[in-house]
């Protein structure tokens, strides 16, 4: 028997390192003219200098993290330096970014490219609800096309000469109505089921790329298809002041246009584990802070 290794459809090491590091992603996006929040880089400018020129409030964002972990709001210049030092001590190198005011919608975009740079699928969806309620992982998401977001994504992946799958997060700035890039995740998101439900099977395309080296592109998908993470949505319901006004309603559990992330009657194990984790998080100040 001779091991041959697993076949994968992956970007280059250099491209992956840029996408994985939020600071490098922002620098690339700015250079390409992709809309993104104003950003300051302590690796290029001393933190005391940034303190005096930055606009407030702002966010300290770890260069490498998941979800909203480590992201810290700074309200005034006086608290910036010490807060920055505490964040990097716990989470590692970080950059600073202007705070986008509440009121703008959040979007995700998924894309997959072949080895020669051909776009095999490009998908956009809108976060309807998320937890934590001021910005976090989606608990209800809907497929919705957006040409401006698509163009921003294509600029980045083309420049990186990307191969395989990538996921992008955007927030619409309510001050100018522009969707601004927040981060790139070079991995499958938990919300991938909405892509499949809308007609774009990214996992199958990745399998075809890895096993055959090529795949048929998917150029269209259905809008208005919802996917819901019920356990996370329950945590949203407990935390949100909009729980009784939400559209669609929290109590809308069924419909031809609705599917679920992991919840299945014939496979209750994942739901049970998520529920236990959610309860343990709610009763643990340390877990909730993380």
C-alpha atoms as a PDB file:
ATOM      1  CA  UNK A   1       0.000   0.000   0.000  1.00  0.00           C
ATOM      2  CA  UNK A   2       1.330   3.435  -0.931  1.00  0.00           C
ATOM      3  CA  UNK A   3      -0.195   6.612   0.566  1.00  0.00           C
ATOM      4  CA  UNK A   4      -1.130   9.220  -2.010  1.00  0.00           C
ATOM      5  CA  UNK A   5      -2.634  11.929   0.223  1.00  0.00           C
ATOM      6  CA  UNK A   6      -5.986  13.659   0.067  1.00  0.00           C
ATOM      7  CA  UNK A   7      -6.901  15.703  -2.980  1.00  0.00           C
ATOM      8  CA  UNK A   8      -7.927  19.246  -2.115  1.00  0.00           C
ATOM      9  CA  UNK A   9      -9.063  22.404  -3.879  1.00  0.00           C
ATOM     10  CA  UNK A  10      -7.140  25.061  -1.980  1.00  0.00           C
ATOM     11  CA  UNK A  11      -5.621  28.506  -2.588  1.00  0.00           C
ATOM     12  CA  UNK A  12      -1.904  29.149  -2.355  1.00  0.00           C
ATOM     13  CA  UNK A  13      -0.342  29.526   1.085  1.00  0.00           C
ATOM     14  CA  UNK A  14       0.255  33.243   0.428  1.00  0.00           C
ATOM     15  CA  UNK A  15      -3.343  33.876  -0.656  1.00  0.00           C
ATOM     16  CA  UNK A  16      -4.708  31.959   2.329  1.00  0.00           C
ATOM     17  CA  UNK A  17      -2.537  33.924   4.787  1.00  0.00           C
ATOM     18  CA  UNK A  18      -3.925  37.225   3.429  1.00  0.00           C
ATOM     19  CA  UNK A  19      -7.535  36.049   3.629  1.00  0.00           C
ATOM     20  CA  UNK A  20      -7.109  34.547   7.108  1.00  0.00           C
ATOM     21  CA  UNK A  21      -5.528  37.705   8.545  1.00  0.00           C
ATOM     22  CA  UNK A  22      -8.167  40.465   8.799  1.00  0.00           C
ATOM     23  CA  UNK A  23      -5.508  43.183   8.850  1.00  0.00           C
ATOM     24  CA  UNK A  24      -3.950  41.955   5.588  1.00  0.00           C
ATOM     25  CA  UNK A  25      -7.419  41.625   4.063  1.00  0.00           C
ATOM     26  CA  UNK A  26      -8.235  45.268   4.852  1.00  0.00           C
ATOM     27  CA  UNK A  27      -4.952  46.479   3.366  1.00  0.00           C
ATOM     28  CA  UNK A  28      -5.612  44.543   0.171  1.00  0.00           C
ATOM     29  CA  UNK A  29      -9.217  45.764  -0.068  1.00  0.00           C
ATOM     30  CA  UNK A  30      -8.152  49.381   0.392  1.00  0.00           C
ATOM     31  CA  UNK A  31      -5.514  49.059  -2.326  1.00  0.00           C
ATOM     32  CA  UNK A  32      -8.076  47.573  -4.729  1.00  0.00           C
ATOM     33  CA  UNK A  33     -10.674  50.250  -4.037  1.00  0.00           C
ATOM     34  CA  UNK A  34     -13.101  47.855  -2.353  1.00  0.00           C
ATOM     35  CA  UNK A  35     -15.323  49.800   0.103  1.00  0.00           C
ATOM     36  CA  UNK A  36     -14.349  49.094   3.705  1.00  0.00           C
ATOM     37  CA  UNK A  37     -14.407  50.989   7.018  1.00  0.00           C
ATOM     38  CA  UNK A  38     -11.598  53.438   7.689  1.00  0.00           C
ATOM     39  CA  UNK A  39      -8.804  51.419   9.256  1.00  0.00           C
ATOM     40  CA  UNK A  40      -5.617  52.210  11.189  1.00  0.00           C
ATOM     41  CA  UNK A  41      -2.660  49.853  11.462  1.00  0.00           C
ATOM     42  CA  UNK A  42      -0.432  49.805  14.576  1.00  0.00           C
ATOM     43  CA  UNK A  43       2.174  47.838  12.607  1.00  0.00           C
ATOM     44  CA  UNK A  44       2.629  50.923  10.416  1.00  0.00           C
ATOM     45  CA  UNK A  45       1.932  53.740  12.862  1.00  0.00           C
ATOM     46  CA  UNK A  46       2.445  54.028  16.614  1.00  0.00           C
ATOM     47  CA  UNK A  47      -0.685  53.584  18.716  1.00  0.00           C
ATOM     48  CA  UNK A  48      -0.239  57.040  20.317  1.00  0.00           C
ATOM     49  CA  UNK A  49      -0.235  58.613  16.859  1.00  0.00           C
ATOM     50  CA  UNK A  50      -3.359  56.706  15.883  1.00  0.00           C
ATOM     51  CA  UNK A  51      -5.022  57.824  19.104  1.00  0.00           C
ATOM     52  CA  UNK A  52      -4.661  61.469  18.068  1.00  0.00           C
ATOM     53  CA  UNK A  53      -5.925  61.132  14.472  1.00  0.00           C
ATOM     54  CA  UNK A  54      -8.586  58.406  14.685  1.00  0.00           C
ATOM     55  CA  UNK A  55     -12.330  59.037  14.817  1.00  0.00           C
ATOM     56  CA  UNK A  56     -14.365  57.713  17.741  1.00  0.00           C
ATOM     57  CA  UNK A  57     -15.951  55.419  18.651  1.00  0.00           C
ATOM     58  CA  UNK A  58     -13.751  52.786  17.034  1.00  0.00           C
ATOM     59  CA  UNK A  59     -13.176  49.060  17.229  1.00  0.00           C
ATOM     60  CA  UNK A  60     -10.023  47.189  18.166  1.00  0.00           C
ATOM     61  CA  UNK A  61     -10.082  44.006  16.072  1.00  0.00           C
ATOM     62  CA  UNK A  62      -7.690  41.080  16.476  1.00  0.00           C
ATOM     63  CA  UNK A  63      -6.029  40.266  13.164  1.00  0.00           C
ATOM     64  CA  UNK A  64      -6.939  36.598  13.517  1.00  0.00           C
ATOM     65  CA  UNK A  65     -10.134  35.578  15.327  1.00  0.00           C
ATOM     66  CA  UNK A  66     -13.547  33.989  14.795  1.00  0.00           C
ATOM     67  CA  UNK A  67     -16.993  35.492  15.241  1.00  0.00           C
ATOM     68  CA  UNK A  68     -16.865  38.649  17.368  1.00  0.00           C
ATOM     69  CA  UNK A  69     -14.236  37.313  19.765  1.00  0.00           C
ATOM     70  CA  UNK A  70     -11.790  39.928  20.949  1.00  0.00           C
ATOM     71  CA  UNK A  71     -13.463  42.829  19.121  1.00  0.00           C
ATOM     72  CA  UNK A  72     -13.557  45.734  21.582  1.00  0.00           C
ATOM     73  CA  UNK A  73     -15.339  49.086  21.354  1.00  0.00           C
ATOM     74  CA  UNK A  74     -13.381  52.193  22.377  1.00  0.00           C
ATOM     75  CA  UNK A  75     -15.440  55.328  23.019  1.00  0.00           C
ATOM     76  CA  UNK A  76     -12.762  57.984  23.669  1.00  0.00           C
ATOM     77  CA  UNK A  77      -9.072  58.665  22.909  1.00  0.00           C
ATOM     78  CA  UNK A  78      -8.231  58.511  26.611  1.00  0.00           C
ATOM     79  CA  UNK A  79      -9.057  54.809  26.865  1.00  0.00           C
ATOM     80  CA  UNK A  80      -7.513  53.674  23.584  1.00  0.00           C
ATOM     81  CA  UNK A  81      -3.905  52.889  24.524  1.00  0.00           C
ATOM     82  CA  UNK A  82      -4.590  50.809  27.635  1.00  0.00           C
ATOM     83  CA  UNK A  83      -7.510  49.008  26.001  1.00  0.00           C
ATOM     84  CA  UNK A  84      -5.396  48.217  22.957  1.00  0.00           C
ATOM     85  CA  UNK A  85      -2.633  46.784  25.149  1.00  0.00           C
ATOM     86  CA  UNK A  86      -5.103  44.549  26.997  1.00  0.00           C
ATOM     87  CA  UNK A  87      -6.635  43.281  23.737  1.00  0.00           C
ATOM     88  CA  UNK A  88      -3.318  42.337  22.122  1.00  0.00           C
ATOM     89  CA  UNK A  89      -2.140  40.721  25.367  1.00  0.00           C
ATOM     90  CA  UNK A  90      -5.109  38.338  25.200  1.00  0.00           C
ATOM     91  CA  UNK A  91      -5.806  38.019  21.468  1.00  0.00           C
ATOM     92  CA  UNK A  92      -2.553  38.862  19.714  1.00  0.00           C
ATOM     93  CA  UNK A  93      -1.831  41.551  17.081  1.00  0.00           C
ATOM     94  CA  UNK A  94      -4.772  43.803  16.221  1.00  0.00           C
ATOM     95  CA  UNK A  95      -5.778  46.732  14.031  1.00  0.00           C
ATOM     96  CA  UNK A  96      -8.236  49.575  14.593  1.00  0.00           C
ATOM     97  CA  UNK A  97     -11.329  50.301  12.568  1.00  0.00           C
ATOM     98  CA  UNK A  98     -14.067  52.912  12.528  1.00  0.00           C
ATOM     99  CA  UNK A  99     -17.327  51.815  14.097  1.00  0.00           C
ATOM    100  CA  UNK A 100     -20.149  51.481  11.578  1.00  0.00           C
ATOM    101  CA  UNK A 101     -23.320  52.877  13.204  1.00  0.00           C
ATOM    102  CA  UNK A 102     -26.257  50.596  13.863  1.00  0.00           C
ATOM    103  CA  UNK A 103     -28.993  50.442  11.255  1.00  0.00           C
ATOM    104  CA  UNK A 104     -27.204  48.931   8.265  1.00  0.00           C
ATOM    105  CA  UNK A 105     -27.934  45.454   6.956  1.00  0.00           C
ATOM    106  CA  UNK A 106     -25.347  42.685   7.064  1.00  0.00           C
ATOM    107  CA  UNK A 107     -24.525  40.428   4.130  1.00  0.00           C
ATOM    108  CA  UNK A 108     -22.474  37.355   3.363  1.00  0.00           C
ATOM    109  CA  UNK A 109     -21.056  36.360   0.008  1.00  0.00           C
ATOM    110  CA  UNK A 110     -19.624  32.978  -0.948  1.00  0.00           C
ATOM    111  CA  UNK A 111     -17.506  32.308  -4.015  1.00  0.00           C
ATOM    112  CA  UNK A 112     -15.593  29.419  -5.543  1.00  0.00           C
ATOM    113  CA  UNK A 113     -12.963  29.580  -8.268  1.00  0.00           C
ATOM    114  CA  UNK A 114     -11.295  26.929 -10.380  1.00  0.00           C
ATOM    115  CA  UNK A 115      -7.549  26.481 -10.750  1.00  0.00           C
ATOM    116  CA  UNK A 116      -7.418  28.845 -13.738  1.00  0.00           C
ATOM    117  CA  UNK A 117      -9.362  31.595 -11.937  1.00  0.00           C
ATOM    118  CA  UNK A 118     -12.753  30.856 -13.495  1.00  0.00           C
ATOM    119  CA  UNK A 119     -15.709  31.736 -11.247  1.00  0.00           C
ATOM    120  CA  UNK A 120     -17.754  28.586 -10.690  1.00  0.00           C
ATOM    121  CA  UNK A 121     -20.315  30.079  -8.302  1.00  0.00           C
ATOM    122  CA  UNK A 122     -20.958  33.412  -6.592  1.00  0.00           C
ATOM    123  CA  UNK A 123     -23.681  33.727  -3.966  1.00  0.00           C
ATOM    124  CA  UNK A 124     -24.978  36.557  -1.755  1.00  0.00           C
ATOM    125  CA  UNK A 125     -27.267  36.337   1.271  1.00  0.00           C
ATOM    126  CA  UNK A 126     -28.505  38.786   3.894  1.00  0.00           C
ATOM    127  CA  UNK A 127     -28.359  38.256   7.638  1.00  0.00           C
ATOM    128  CA  UNK A 128     -31.872  38.837   8.937  1.00  0.00           C
ATOM    129  CA  UNK A 129     -31.003  38.068  12.564  1.00  0.00           C
ATOM    130  CA  UNK A 130     -27.749  37.316  14.350  1.00  0.00           C
ATOM    131  CA  UNK A 131     -26.352  36.612  17.782  1.00  0.00           C
ATOM    132  CA  UNK A 132     -24.946  38.559  19.578  1.00  0.00           C
ATOM    133  CA  UNK A 133     -27.694  40.960  18.522  1.00  0.00           C
ATOM    134  CA  UNK A 134     -25.312  43.883  17.834  1.00  0.00           C
ATOM    135  CA  UNK A 135     -23.235  41.818  15.437  1.00  0.00           C
ATOM    136  CA  UNK A 136     -22.311  38.173  15.326  1.00  0.00           C
ATOM    137  CA  UNK A 137     -23.106  34.877  13.674  1.00  0.00           C
ATOM    138  CA  UNK A 138     -26.323  34.664  11.665  1.00  0.00           C
ATOM    139  CA  UNK A 139     -29.349  32.913  13.154  1.00  0.00           C
ATOM    140  CA  UNK A 140     -31.687  33.640  10.203  1.00  0.00           C
ATOM    141  CA  UNK A 141     -30.376  34.316   6.714  1.00  0.00           C
ATOM    142  CA  UNK A 142     -31.957  34.775   3.267  1.00  0.00           C
ATOM    143  CA  UNK A 143     -30.609  34.524  -0.272  1.00  0.00           C
ATOM    144  CA  UNK A 144     -30.564  37.966  -1.909  1.00  0.00           C
ATOM    145  CA  UNK A 145     -28.545  39.151  -4.902  1.00  0.00           C
ATOM    146  CA  UNK A 146     -26.409  42.280  -4.702  1.00  0.00           C
ATOM    147  CA  UNK A 147     -24.287  43.324  -7.681  1.00  0.00           C
ATOM    148  CA  UNK A 148     -22.067  45.774  -5.740  1.00  0.00           C
ATOM    149  CA  UNK A 149     -21.102  43.087  -3.234  1.00  0.00           C
ATOM    150  CA  UNK A 150     -20.433  40.634  -6.037  1.00  0.00           C
ATOM    151  CA  UNK A 151     -18.048  43.083  -7.702  1.00  0.00           C
ATOM    152  CA  UNK A 152     -16.177  43.700  -4.433  1.00  0.00           C
ATOM    153  CA  UNK A 153     -15.711  39.964  -3.909  1.00  0.00           C
ATOM    154  CA  UNK A 154     -14.512  39.403  -7.462  1.00  0.00           C
ATOM    155  CA  UNK A 155     -11.892  42.145  -7.169  1.00  0.00           C
ATOM    156  CA  UNK A 156     -10.356  40.456  -4.140  1.00  0.00           C
ATOM    157  CA  UNK A 157     -10.376  36.831  -5.305  1.00  0.00           C
ATOM    158  CA  UNK A 158      -9.066  37.742  -8.747  1.00  0.00           C
ATOM    159  CA  UNK A 159      -6.190  39.692  -7.200  1.00  0.00           C
ATOM    160  CA  UNK A 160      -5.371  36.775  -4.888  1.00  0.00           C
ATOM    161  CA  UNK A 161      -5.564  34.298  -7.787  1.00  0.00           C
ATOM    162  CA  UNK A 162      -7.828  32.318  -5.507  1.00  0.00           C
ATOM    163  CA  UNK A 163      -8.549  28.629  -5.939  1.00  0.00           C
ATOM    164  CA  UNK A 164     -11.398  26.963  -4.061  1.00  0.00           C
ATOM    165  CA  UNK A 165     -13.958  28.397  -1.646  1.00  0.00           C
ATOM    166  CA  UNK A 166     -14.064  31.686   0.297  1.00  0.00           C
ATOM    167  CA  UNK A 167     -16.681  33.481   2.404  1.00  0.00           C
ATOM    168  CA  UNK A 168     -16.971  37.272   2.887  1.00  0.00           C
ATOM    169  CA  UNK A 169     -18.845  39.462   5.385  1.00  0.00           C
ATOM    170  CA  UNK A 170     -20.194  42.940   4.585  1.00  0.00           C
ATOM    171  CA  UNK A 171     -22.056  45.640   6.527  1.00  0.00           C
ATOM    172  CA  UNK A 172     -24.061  48.401   4.858  1.00  0.00           C
ATOM    173  CA  UNK A 173     -23.015  51.761   6.280  1.00  0.00           C
ATOM    174  CA  UNK A 174     -26.297  53.611   7.024  1.00  0.00           C
ATOM    175  CA  UNK A 175     -24.502  56.936   6.517  1.00  0.00           C
ATOM    176  CA  UNK A 176     -23.896  56.380   2.802  1.00  0.00           C
ATOM    177  CA  UNK A 177     -25.726  53.140   1.957  1.00  0.00           C
ATOM    178  CA  UNK A 178     -22.507  51.420   0.817  1.00  0.00           C
ATOM    179  CA  UNK A 179     -21.831  47.756   1.636  1.00  0.00           C
ATOM    180  CA  UNK A 180     -18.389  47.689   3.267  1.00  0.00           C
ATOM    181  CA  UNK A 181     -16.148  44.663   3.604  1.00  0.00           C
ATOM    182  CA  UNK A 182     -15.581  43.458   7.160  1.00  0.00           C
ATOM    183  CA  UNK A 183     -13.632  40.228   6.715  1.00  0.00           C
ATOM    184  CA  UNK A 184     -12.889  37.180   4.617  1.00  0.00           C
ATOM    185  CA  UNK A 185     -13.201  33.615   5.923  1.00  0.00           C
ATOM    186  CA  UNK A 186     -11.323  31.052   3.791  1.00  0.00           C
ATOM    187  CA  UNK A 187     -13.583  28.244   5.022  1.00  0.00           C
ATOM    188  CA  UNK A 188     -17.165  27.044   4.828  1.00  0.00           C
ATOM    189  CA  UNK A 189     -19.568  29.089   7.015  1.00  0.00           C
ATOM    190  CA  UNK A 190     -22.149  27.549   9.301  1.00  0.00           C
ATOM    191  CA  UNK A 191     -24.849  29.103   7.101  1.00  0.00           C
ATOM    192  CA  UNK A 192     -23.802  27.089   4.015  1.00  0.00           C
ATOM    193  CA  UNK A 193     -27.163  25.298   3.973  1.00  0.00           C
ATOM    194  CA  UNK A 194     -28.874  28.425   2.599  1.00  0.00           C
ATOM    195  CA  UNK A 195     -26.645  28.221  -0.488  1.00  0.00           C
ATOM    196  CA  UNK A 196     -27.711  24.642  -1.114  1.00  0.00           C
ATOM    197  CA  UNK A 197     -31.363  25.470  -0.435  1.00  0.00           C
ATOM    198  CA  UNK A 198     -31.197  28.285  -2.992  1.00  0.00           C
ATOM    199  CA  UNK A 199     -29.630  26.023  -5.604  1.00  0.00           C
ATOM    200  CA  UNK A 200     -25.850  26.429  -5.203  1.00  0.00           C
ATOM    201  CA  UNK A 201     -24.160  23.292  -3.860  1.00  0.00           C
ATOM    202  CA  UNK A 202     -20.706  24.613  -3.010  1.00  0.00           C
ATOM    203  CA  UNK A 203     -19.661  21.382  -1.311  1.00  0.00           C
ATOM    204  CA  UNK A 204     -20.351  19.397  -4.488  1.00  0.00           C
ATOM    205  CA  UNK A 205     -18.340  21.892  -6.554  1.00  0.00           C
ATOM    206  CA  UNK A 206     -15.393  21.577  -4.166  1.00  0.00           C
ATOM    207  CA  UNK A 207     -15.605  17.794  -4.416  1.00  0.00           C
ATOM    208  CA  UNK A 208     -15.608  17.968  -8.208  1.00  0.00           C
ATOM    209  CA  UNK A 209     -12.606  20.317  -8.224  1.00  0.00           C
ATOM    210  CA  UNK A 210     -10.646  18.072  -5.898  1.00  0.00           C
ATOM    211  CA  UNK A 211     -11.514  14.770  -7.563  1.00  0.00           C
ATOM    212  CA  UNK A 212     -11.729  15.797 -11.222  1.00  0.00           C
ATOM    213  CA  UNK A 213      -9.938  19.154 -11.410  1.00  0.00           C
ATOM    214  CA  UNK A 214     -12.967  20.892 -12.933  1.00  0.00           C
ATOM    215  CA  UNK A 215     -16.645  21.599 -12.295  1.00  0.00           C
ATOM    216  CA  UNK A 216     -19.631  23.030 -14.100  1.00  0.00           C
ATOM    217  CA  UNK A 217     -20.358  26.654 -13.085  1.00  0.00           C
ATOM    218  CA  UNK A 218     -23.643  27.588 -11.420  1.00  0.00           C
ATOM    219  CA  UNK A 219     -24.768  30.978 -12.687  1.00  0.00           C
ATOM    220  CA  UNK A 220     -28.171  31.431 -11.032  1.00  0.00           C
ATOM    221  CA  UNK A 221     -29.894  30.808  -7.713  1.00  0.00           C
ATOM    222  CA  UNK A 222     -33.255  31.420  -6.083  1.00  0.00           C
ATOM    223  CA  UNK A 223     -33.726  34.554  -4.002  1.00  0.00           C
ATOM    224  CA  UNK A 224     -35.923  34.671  -0.910  1.00  0.00           C
ATOM    225  CA  UNK A 225     -34.818  31.286   0.480  1.00  0.00           C
ATOM    226  CA  UNK A 226     -34.369  31.346   4.269  1.00  0.00           C
ATOM    227  CA  UNK A 227     -32.175  29.214   6.518  1.00  0.00           C
ATOM    228  CA  UNK A 228     -32.437  29.294  10.287  1.00  0.00           C
ATOM    229  CA  UNK A 229     -30.196  28.272  13.176  1.00  0.00           C
ATOM    230  CA  UNK A 230     -32.941  27.629  15.724  1.00  0.00           C
ATOM    231  CA  UNK A 231     -30.796  27.380  18.872  1.00  0.00           C
ATOM    232  CA  UNK A 232     -28.960  30.602  18.019  1.00  0.00           C
ATOM    233  CA  UNK A 233     -32.260  32.255  17.087  1.00  0.00           C
ATOM    234  CA  UNK A 234     -33.615  31.316  20.504  1.00  0.00           C
ATOM    235  CA  UNK A 235     -30.648  33.128  22.094  1.00  0.00           C
ATOM    236  CA  UNK A 236     -31.409  36.102  19.815  1.00  0.00           C
ATOM    237  CA  UNK A 237     -35.025  36.051  21.027  1.00  0.00           C
ATOM    238  CA  UNK A 238     -33.905  36.175  24.675  1.00  0.00           C
ATOM    239  CA  UNK A 239     -31.530  39.081  24.002  1.00  0.00           C
ATOM    240  CA  UNK A 240     -33.280  41.286  21.422  1.00  0.00           C
ATOM    241  CA  UNK A 241     -35.634  44.163  22.124  1.00  0.00           C
ATOM    242  CA  UNK A 242     -37.179  43.510  18.703  1.00  0.00           C
ATOM    243  CA  UNK A 243     -38.294  39.971  19.591  1.00  0.00           C
ATOM    244  CA  UNK A 244     -42.011  40.746  19.173  1.00  0.00           C
ATOM    245  CA  UNK A 245     -41.601  42.963  16.083  1.00  0.00           C
ATOM    246  CA  UNK A 246     -39.287  40.775  13.994  1.00  0.00           C
ATOM    247  CA  UNK A 247     -40.111  40.161  10.329  1.00  0.00           C
ATOM    248  CA  UNK A 248     -40.365  37.329   9.548  1.00  0.00           C
ATOM    249  CA  UNK A 249     -41.705  36.428  12.959  1.00  0.00           C
ATOM    250  CA  UNK A 250     -39.611  34.356  15.360  1.00  0.00           C
ATOM    251  CA  UNK A 251     -42.624  32.040  15.590  1.00  0.00           C
ATOM    252  CA  UNK A 252     -42.617  31.260  11.869  1.00  0.00           C
ATOM    253  CA  UNK A 253     -41.237  27.714  12.065  1.00  0.00           C
ATOM    254  CA  UNK A 254     -42.461  26.208   8.793  1.00  0.00           C
ATOM    255  CA  UNK A 255     -42.688  27.116   5.129  1.00  0.00           C
ATOM    256  CA  UNK A 256     -41.618  26.010   1.656  1.00  0.00           C
ATOM    257  CA  UNK A 257     -39.049  28.812   1.622  1.00  0.00           C
ATOM    258  CA  UNK A 258     -37.505  27.868   5.002  1.00  0.00           C
ATOM    259  CA  UNK A 259     -34.906  25.302   6.029  1.00  0.00           C
ATOM    260  CA  UNK A 260     -32.651  24.858   9.081  1.00  0.00           C
ATOM    261  CA  UNK A 261     -28.905  24.860   9.652  1.00  0.00           C
ATOM    262  CA  UNK A 262     -28.619  21.653  11.706  1.00  0.00           C
ATOM    263  CA  UNK A 263     -32.020  20.976  13.272  1.00  0.00           C
ATOM    264  CA  UNK A 264     -33.514  17.717  11.967  1.00  0.00           C
ATOM    265  CA  UNK A 265     -36.237  15.539  13.504  1.00  0.00           C
ATOM    266  CA  UNK A 266     -34.499  12.398  12.248  1.00  0.00           C
ATOM    267  CA  UNK A 267     -31.100  13.504  13.593  1.00  0.00           C
ATOM    268  CA  UNK A 268     -31.603  15.343  16.921  1.00  0.00           C
ATOM    269  CA  UNK A 269     -28.042  14.900  18.230  1.00  0.00           C
ATOM    270  CA  UNK A 270     -26.498  18.130  16.842  1.00  0.00           C
ATOM    271  CA  UNK A 271     -29.462  20.209  18.042  1.00  0.00           C
ATOM    272  CA  UNK A 272     -29.226  18.725  21.532  1.00  0.00           C
ATOM    273  CA  UNK A 273     -25.501  19.466  21.724  1.00  0.00           C
ATOM    274  CA  UNK A 274     -25.993  23.049  20.516  1.00  0.00           C
ATOM    275  CA  UNK A 275     -28.771  23.541  23.066  1.00  0.00           C
ATOM    276  CA  UNK A 276     -26.593  22.274  25.919  1.00  0.00           C
ATOM    277  CA  UNK A 277     -23.775  24.561  24.775  1.00  0.00           C
ATOM    278  CA  UNK A 278     -26.140  27.555  24.630  1.00  0.00           C
ATOM    279  CA  UNK A 279     -27.407  26.910  28.172  1.00  0.00           C
ATOM    280  CA  UNK A 280     -23.865  26.512  29.519  1.00  0.00           C
ATOM    281  CA  UNK A 281     -22.899  29.778  27.812  1.00  0.00           C
ATOM    282  CA  UNK A 282     -25.838  31.691  29.291  1.00  0.00           C
ATOM    283  CA  UNK A 283     -25.055  30.567  32.853  1.00  0.00           C
ATOM    284  CA  UNK A 284     -21.293  31.103  32.606  1.00  0.00           C
ATOM    285  CA  UNK A 285     -20.010  34.712  32.668  1.00  0.00           C
ATOM    286  CA  UNK A 286     -16.641  33.519  31.339  1.00  0.00           C
ATOM    287  CA  UNK A 287     -18.168  31.676  28.371  1.00  0.00           C
ATOM    288  CA  UNK A 288     -20.589  34.508  27.641  1.00  0.00           C
ATOM    289  CA  UNK A 289     -17.742  37.051  27.617  1.00  0.00           C
ATOM    290  CA  UNK A 290     -15.757  34.831  25.228  1.00  0.00           C
END
